Amino acid sequence: MPSGMDDIVSVYNFESFASDLQWWVVHLKVHQESKLSRDLRSAEIPYFLPMVDRHRKIKNRKRLTKVPLFPGYLFFGGENEERRAVLQTGRTARIIAVDNQDQLKQELQQVLQAIQSGLKIDPYKNLQTGTLCRIVSGPGMGLIGKVIKRPGKCKVILDVETIGQSITIDVDAEHVQPL
């Protein structure tokens, strides 16, 4: 039985970012990428959900599955009517209007080209040293601290200000989200 992500497509009703179509960014509620992509496909609304292959351990078996390159985000094209349709799905945290459409289209075109190239792609969170962050998945889920070291694994410092002490933990960047 396929996972929820394996049966979705990264792009739908999409020719290129060269058209005059206005693109929006959807910030989704947790784990809603595949469901919203199916909703948009049913409504015939163009979208782009960058997906990459990852090996995941599922029930003690290693399996190749597709995961969103930018968890929690999906891009769609349309006007206010399509925007309202997306909001009505109940799957969105918010929709972000994009003022610089040319820049967004160019950046998304590059992401699409990179995916189509077959190169290994890894997300890179732009976490600067000193950024306050929350660990959003994995064993440290819910912890809040500051990034003190980057690249590769993030080193996150957790303060116990009451006693003037701190600890550090190593966390994969994919589990950390800036606040």
Foldseek 3Di string as FASTA:
>chain_A
DADLQAPADQWAPDDALPDPWFKKKFQWDAPCVSVLRVLCVVVVWIKGFAWDWDFDQDPNDTDIGIDTQDGRMIMTTDDVVVVVSSVVVVGTPDMGGDPCSVVVRVVVRVSVVVRVVPDDDHHDDPADFQFWKAQCDDPRHGAIFTFHDDDAWTWGWHDPVVVGDIDIDTHGPVRIDGD
